């Protein structure tokens, strides 16, 4: 469902809490899918089926997010697209209950003074093996010097902040050099595995290799350990469903959604269109390697060709 920028059409009475299962590893809040940058390898566009135009206003976000009952080691991670492009970004962060831990994924294409005025350093700060503000550097799109200058300024002001970059195979040497320079400045600079097809080879360590960008679609059953919320407030089990606006399991303003559907086994007819983020082998929130977001079982035989199969990730950006 899509609610544009107006209030979502649920009642105004007090909403019951949304309780996150104990085994959950991630809560992702996609404020919007807009971004100032145009990276050809943008993970949001893998498969070319990103449905845009969904956005919820700040009051609705605050009301919905404040229903969440989580734990100190499981923050809600605000992201996008680029979350700071949402017109109510600062108001949303300020309006979230203080007992709810908050992390931020951002390209930091913002005025750092305005950022510090809008968000005190201790709002995005908690005990964790990685920074609460995870800034993404984008090769060919961002200014490395401007970005590192901003990060250093925020770090010196007490913010928990670091930089992440996709280790793209086309310029691996430059990536390593940037990391070394950042480390010499005292900046935590980490690399993320490049995901997707590149020059005829599928990149990334996948738990279910045939699930991503497959030539064929199959039926399966899966369950996830993540709660993903799209820009209109819809709740999805996986990134593939979220980007395509497919099979929502609830809405954060729906009083009937209390988290009971989270983490349950469910049938899915689009094995082969899974998003890399869901099936890659990665670290969990404690930085322990070997985790993947979904479990998949009972994979059926191919029943139809995947019309959205792509040969190169570079060709997927911006498809409608």
Protein backbone atom coordinates (compact mmCIF):
# COMPACT_ATOMS: atom_id res chain seq x y z
CA UNK A 1 0.00 0.00 0.00
CA UNK A 2 1.12 3.58 -0.51
CA UNK A 3 0.23 6.55 1.66
CA UNK A 4 2.09 9.36 -0.10
CA UNK A 5 3.06 12.12 2.32
CA UNK A 6 -0.20 12.32 4.25
CA UNK A 7 -1.24 10.60 7.46
CA UNK A 8 -1.78 6.88 7.02
CA UNK A 9 -5.47 5.85 7.16
CA UNK A 10 -5.45 4.03 10.48
CA UNK A 11 -7.26 5.08 13.65
CA UNK A 12 -5.88 7.74 15.98
CA UNK A 13 -6.28 5.68 19.16
CA UNK A 14 -3.26 4.48 21.09
CA UNK A 15 -1.44 1.72 19.23
CA UNK A 16 -0.23 -1.53 20.85
CA UNK A 17 3.53 -2.21 20.90
CA UNK A 18 5.39 -4.08 18.18
CA UNK A 19 7.58 -6.63 19.93
CA UNK A 20 10.73 -7.71 18.08
CA UNK A 21 11.57 -11.44 18.38
CA UNK A 22 14.63 -12.28 20.49
CA UNK A 23 16.47 -13.88 17.56
CA UNK A 24 16.14 -10.86 15.26
CA UNK A 25 19.36 -9.25 14.05
CA UNK A 26 18.29 -6.07 12.26
CA UNK A 27 15.55 -3.42 12.10
CA UNK A 28 15.80 -1.32 8.93
CA UNK A 29 13.86 1.92 8.52
CA UNK A 30 13.86 3.17 4.92
CA UNK A 31 12.70 6.78 5.23
CA UNK A 32 12.80 7.28 1.47
CA UNK A 33 14.34 5.90 -1.72
CA UNK A 34 15.59 9.26 -3.02
CA UNK A 35 19.33 9.99 -3.17
CA UNK A 36 21.57 12.80 -4.41
CA UNK A 37 24.02 10.30 -5.91
CA UNK A 38 23.77 8.07 -8.98
CA UNK A 39 25.96 5.03 -8.41
CA UNK A 40 25.72 2.49 -11.21
CA UNK A 41 26.17 -0.35 -8.72
CA UNK A 42 23.53 0.86 -6.22
CA UNK A 43 22.31 -2.17 -4.27
CA UNK A 44 18.78 -0.74 -4.12
CA UNK A 45 18.50 -1.21 -7.88
CA UNK A 46 19.68 -4.79 -8.27
CA UNK A 47 17.17 -6.39 -10.63
CA UNK A 48 15.75 -3.05 -11.70
CA UNK A 49 12.44 -3.49 -9.84
CA UNK A 50 12.62 -0.68 -7.27
CA UNK A 51 9.17 0.86 -6.81
CA UNK A 52 9.57 4.54 -5.89
CA UNK A 53 6.99 7.16 -4.93
CA UNK A 54 6.36 5.80 -1.45
CA UNK A 55 6.80 8.21 1.45
CA UNK A 56 5.25 8.82 4.87
CA UNK A 57 5.26 12.09 6.81
CA UNK A 58 7.27 12.72 9.96
CA UNK A 59 4.36 12.54 12.41
CA UNK A 60 3.39 9.10 11.10
CA UNK A 61 6.99 7.86 11.32
CA UNK A 62 7.34 9.00 14.92
CA UNK A 63 4.03 7.45 15.92
CA UNK A 64 4.84 4.15 14.22
CA UNK A 65 8.46 3.79 15.31
CA UNK A 66 7.65 4.55 18.92
CA UNK A 67 5.60 1.34 19.02
CA UNK A 68 8.73 -0.78 18.66
CA UNK A 69 9.96 -2.73 21.67
CA UNK A 70 13.59 -3.69 21.08
CA UNK A 71 16.83 -4.16 23.04
CA UNK A 72 19.98 -2.08 23.64
CA UNK A 73 21.97 -4.30 21.23
CA UNK A 74 19.33 -4.10 18.47
CA UNK A 75 18.87 -0.52 17.22
CA UNK A 76 16.53 0.69 14.54
CA UNK A 77 18.78 1.61 11.61
CA UNK A 78 17.55 4.65 9.69
CA UNK A 79 18.52 4.53 6.03
CA UNK A 80 17.29 4.90 2.43
CA UNK A 81 17.99 5.86 -0.37
CA UNK A 82 19.46 8.75 1.53
CA UNK A 83 17.46 9.34 4.74
CA UNK A 84 18.61 12.95 5.20
CA UNK A 85 16.69 13.91 2.03
CA UNK A 86 13.40 13.29 3.87
CA UNK A 87 12.00 16.73 4.73
CA UNK A 88 11.26 15.65 8.31
CA UNK A 89 14.54 13.79 8.90
CA UNK A 90 15.71 15.76 11.95
CA UNK A 91 12.25 15.84 13.49
CA UNK A 92 11.89 12.08 13.08
CA UNK A 93 15.21 11.36 14.81
CA UNK A 94 14.34 13.76 17.63
CA UNK A 95 10.86 12.29 18.04
CA UNK A 96 11.91 8.66 18.51
CA UNK A 97 11.73 7.51 22.13
CA UNK A 98 15.09 7.91 23.83
CA UNK A 99 15.08 4.32 25.07
CA UNK A 100 15.03 3.10 21.45
CA UNK A 101 18.64 2.91 20.16
CA UNK A 102 19.11 4.46 16.72
CA UNK A 103 21.81 3.93 14.07
CA UNK A 104 22.13 5.86 10.82
CA UNK A 105 23.29 4.89 7.33
CA UNK A 106 24.04 8.02 5.28
CA UNK A 107 26.19 9.41 2.48
CA UNK A 108 26.61 12.53 4.67
CA UNK A 109 25.89 14.86 1.75
CA UNK A 110 24.63 17.37 4.32
CA UNK A 111 25.86 20.48 6.06
CA UNK A 112 27.74 19.15 9.08
CA UNK A 113 26.85 22.18 11.21
CA UNK A 114 23.14 21.66 10.56
CA UNK A 115 23.58 17.97 11.32
CA UNK A 116 25.16 18.67 14.70
CA UNK A 117 22.50 21.25 15.53
CA UNK A 118 19.73 18.80 14.68
CA UNK A 119 21.14 15.65 16.31
CA UNK A 120 23.22 15.69 19.54
CA UNK A 121 26.20 13.33 19.51
CA UNK A 122 24.82 11.09 22.26
CA UNK A 123 21.56 10.36 20.40
CA UNK A 124 23.34 8.16 17.86
CA UNK A 125 25.71 6.42 20.24
CA UNK A 126 25.68 3.05 22.01
CA UNK A 127 27.94 0.18 23.02
CA UNK A 128 28.73 -1.60 19.76
CA UNK A 129 31.67 -3.11 17.81
CA UNK A 130 30.98 -0.68 14.96
CA UNK A 131 30.00 2.97 14.59
CA UNK A 132 26.40 4.08 15.05
CA UNK A 133 26.71 6.53 12.12
CA UNK A 134 27.91 4.52 9.13
CA UNK A 135 28.85 6.82 6.28
CA UNK A 136 29.09 5.45 2.76
CA UNK A 137 31.75 6.65 0.36
CA UNK A 138 30.76 6.29 -3.29
CA UNK A 139 33.50 6.08 -5.90
CA UNK A 140 33.01 8.67 -8.63
CA UNK A 141 30.13 10.35 -6.80
CA UNK A 142 31.48 11.71 -3.51
CA UNK A 143 34.46 13.93 -2.73
CA UNK A 144 36.80 11.83 -0.59
CA UNK A 145 38.48 14.87 1.00
CA UNK A 146 35.22 16.63 1.80
CA UNK A 147 33.77 13.45 3.26
CA UNK A 148 36.76 12.63 5.45
CA UNK A 149 36.89 16.27 6.64
CA UNK A 150 33.23 16.04 7.71
CA UNK A 151 33.73 12.70 9.42
CA UNK A 152 36.76 13.98 11.32
CA UNK A 153 34.81 17.03 12.47
CA UNK A 154 31.94 14.90 13.73
CA UNK A 155 34.31 12.39 15.32
CA UNK A 156 36.11 15.16 17.19
CA UNK A 157 32.72 16.43 18.38
CA UNK A 158 32.03 13.06 20.01
CA UNK A 159 29.93 11.29 17.38
CA UNK A 160 30.26 7.53 16.88
CA UNK A 161 31.07 7.56 13.16
CA UNK A 162 32.97 5.60 10.51
CA UNK A 163 33.11 5.17 6.75
CA UNK A 164 32.19 2.13 4.64
CA UNK A 165 32.98 1.62 0.96
CA UNK A 166 31.97 -1.07 -1.52
CA UNK A 167 35.10 -2.95 -2.63
CA UNK A 168 34.29 -2.78 -6.34
CA UNK A 169 36.52 -5.10 -8.41
CA UNK A 170 37.04 -2.43 -11.08
CA UNK A 171 39.02 -0.19 -8.71
CA UNK A 172 40.06 -2.41 -5.82
CA UNK A 173 43.50 -0.77 -5.60
CA UNK A 174 42.00 2.70 -5.12
CA UNK A 175 39.65 1.36 -2.45
CA UNK A 176 42.55 -0.07 -0.44
CA UNK A 177 44.50 3.19 -0.80
CA UNK A 178 41.55 5.24 0.47
CA UNK A 179 41.18 2.88 3.41
CA UNK A 180 44.86 3.22 4.33
CA UNK A 181 44.70 7.02 4.14
CA UNK A 182 41.60 7.10 6.35
CA UNK A 183 43.22 4.81 8.90
CA UNK A 184 46.22 7.12 9.04
CA UNK A 185 43.81 9.92 10.00
CA UNK A 186 42.23 7.83 12.75
CA UNK A 187 39.01 7.11 10.83
CA UNK A 188 37.42 3.67 11.04
CA UNK A 189 37.15 2.78 7.33
CA UNK A 190 35.64 -0.59 6.48
CA UNK A 191 34.99 -2.38 3.22
CA UNK A 192 31.81 -4.05 2.03
CA UNK A 193 31.79 -6.90 -0.43
CA UNK A 194 30.67 -5.97 -3.95
CA UNK A 195 27.51 -7.89 -4.78
CA UNK A 196 26.10 -8.84 -8.14
CA UNK A 197 27.18 -9.88 -11.64
CA UNK A 198 30.34 -8.25 -12.99
CA UNK A 199 32.18 -9.24 -16.18
CA UNK A 200 30.45 -12.58 -16.33
CA UNK A 201 31.05 -13.56 -12.72
CA UNK A 202 28.64 -13.27 -9.81
CA UNK A 203 30.39 -11.41 -7.01
CA UNK A 204 29.69 -11.97 -3.32
CA UNK A 205 29.53 -14.92 -0.95
CA UNK A 206 25.96 -16.22 -1.10
CA UNK A 207 24.37 -18.85 1.13
CA UNK A 208 21.91 -19.64 -1.67
CA UNK A 209 23.69 -18.74 -4.94
CA UNK A 210 20.79 -19.67 -7.24
CA UNK A 211 18.43 -17.39 -5.30
CA UNK A 212 20.02 -14.19 -6.63
CA UNK A 213 19.52 -12.99 -10.19
CA UNK A 214 18.58 -16.48 -11.35
CA UNK A 215 17.56 -17.36 -14.89
CA UNK A 216 14.51 -19.17 -13.48
CA UNK A 217 11.99 -18.57 -10.69
CA UNK A 218 11.06 -21.28 -8.21
CA UNK A 219 8.75 -21.69 -5.24
CA UNK A 220 10.24 -22.01 -1.78
CA UNK A 221 9.67 -21.37 1.90
CA UNK A 222 11.74 -18.83 3.82
CA UNK A 223 11.93 -16.96 7.09
CA UNK A 224 13.96 -13.92 8.03
CA UNK A 225 15.62 -12.41 11.07
CA UNK A 226 14.99 -8.81 10.04
CA UNK A 227 12.18 -6.27 10.20
CA UNK A 228 12.26 -4.03 7.13
CA UNK A 229 10.05 -0.93 6.93
CA UNK A 230 9.53 0.82 3.60
CA UNK A 231 9.03 4.60 3.09
CA UNK A 232 5.23 4.28 3.39
CA UNK A 233 5.44 2.35 6.66
CA UNK A 234 4.82 -1.11 5.22
CA UNK A 235 6.65 -4.00 6.88
CA UNK A 236 8.40 -6.59 4.70
CA UNK A 237 10.25 -9.84 5.31
CA UNK A 238 13.12 -9.24 2.87
CA UNK A 239 14.79 -6.57 0.73
CA UNK A 240 13.54 -8.13 -2.49
CA UNK A 241 9.92 -7.79 -1.39
CA UNK A 242 10.51 -4.32 0.04
CA UNK A 243 12.05 -2.83 -3.09
CA UNK A 244 9.35 -4.34 -5.31
CA UNK A 245 6.53 -3.42 -2.88
CA UNK A 246 5.56 -7.10 -2.85
CA UNK A 247 3.89 -9.18 -0.11
CA UNK A 248 3.93 -6.77 2.88
CA UNK A 249 3.18 -8.50 6.17
CA UNK A 250 1.90 -5.43 8.00
CA UNK A 251 2.13 -1.69 8.58
CA UNK A 252 3.64 0.16 11.53
CA UNK A 253 0.44 2.18 11.98
CA UNK A 254 -1.89 -0.79 11.79
CA UNK A 255 -3.05 -1.70 15.33
CA UNK A 256 -3.49 -5.31 14.23
CA UNK A 257 0.22 -5.62 13.44
CA UNK A 258 2.07 -6.35 16.67
CA UNK A 259 5.07 -8.29 15.38
CA UNK A 260 3.49 -11.74 15.57
CA UNK A 261 4.20 -12.36 11.87
CA UNK A 262 7.90 -11.56 12.19
CA UNK A 263 10.25 -14.51 11.77
CA UNK A 264 7.61 -16.98 10.63
CA UNK A 265 8.11 -19.46 7.77
CA UNK A 266 6.23 -18.28 4.68
CA UNK A 267 5.78 -19.45 1.11
CA UNK A 268 7.45 -17.41 -1.62
CA UNK A 269 7.10 -17.87 -5.42
CA UNK A 270 10.08 -15.73 -6.49
CA UNK A 271 13.18 -17.70 -5.45
CA UNK A 272 15.62 -16.47 -8.08
CA UNK A 273 14.79 -12.80 -7.48
CA UNK A 274 16.20 -12.65 -3.95
CA UNK A 275 18.25 -9.59 -3.06
CA UNK A 276 21.93 -10.12 -2.32
CA UNK A 277 21.58 -8.42 1.07
CA UNK A 278 19.23 -11.17 2.20
CA UNK A 279 21.20 -14.26 1.20
CA UNK A 280 24.83 -13.17 1.43
CA UNK A 281 27.05 -14.59 4.17
CA UNK A 282 28.06 -11.74 6.44
CA UNK A 283 28.63 -10.67 10.04
CA UNK A 284 25.75 -10.24 12.45
CA UNK A 285 25.27 -7.22 14.73
CA UNK A 286 27.97 -8.61 17.05
CA UNK A 287 30.44 -8.77 14.11
CA UNK A 288 30.40 -12.59 14.12
CA UNK A 289 30.87 -13.96 10.60
CA UNK A 290 28.64 -16.65 9.13
CA UNK A 291 25.24 -14.98 9.40
CA UNK A 292 22.67 -14.55 6.62
CA UNK A 293 19.37 -12.71 6.94
CA UNK A 294 17.13 -15.48 5.60
CA UNK A 295 16.74 -19.22 5.82
CA UNK A 296 15.32 -21.01 2.78
CA UNK A 297 13.90 -24.52 2.47
CA UNK A 298 11.77 -26.67 0.16
CA UNK A 299 12.99 -25.07 -3.07
CA UNK A 300 10.86 -26.28 -5.97
CA UNK A 301 11.60 -26.87 -9.64
CA UNK A 302 11.88 -23.96 -12.12
CA UNK A 303 8.46 -22.86 -13.33
CA UNK A 304 9.05 -19.65 -15.33
CA UNK A 305 11.97 -17.60 -16.64
CA UNK A 306 13.08 -14.61 -14.60
CA UNK A 307 12.38 -11.74 -16.99
CA UNK A 308 14.37 -9.35 -14.78
CA UNK A 309 17.62 -11.34 -14.92
CA UNK A 310 20.53 -8.97 -15.64
CA UNK A 311 24.02 -9.68 -16.94
CA UNK A 312 25.73 -6.69 -15.32
CA UNK A 313 24.78 -4.64 -12.26
CA UNK A 314 25.82 -1.48 -14.10
CA UNK A 315 22.76 -1.85 -16.34
CA UNK A 316 20.21 -1.93 -13.53
CA UNK A 317 20.29 1.63 -12.16
CA UNK A 318 17.17 3.68 -12.57
CA UNK A 319 14.92 1.16 -14.29
CA UNK A 320 11.24 1.80 -13.69
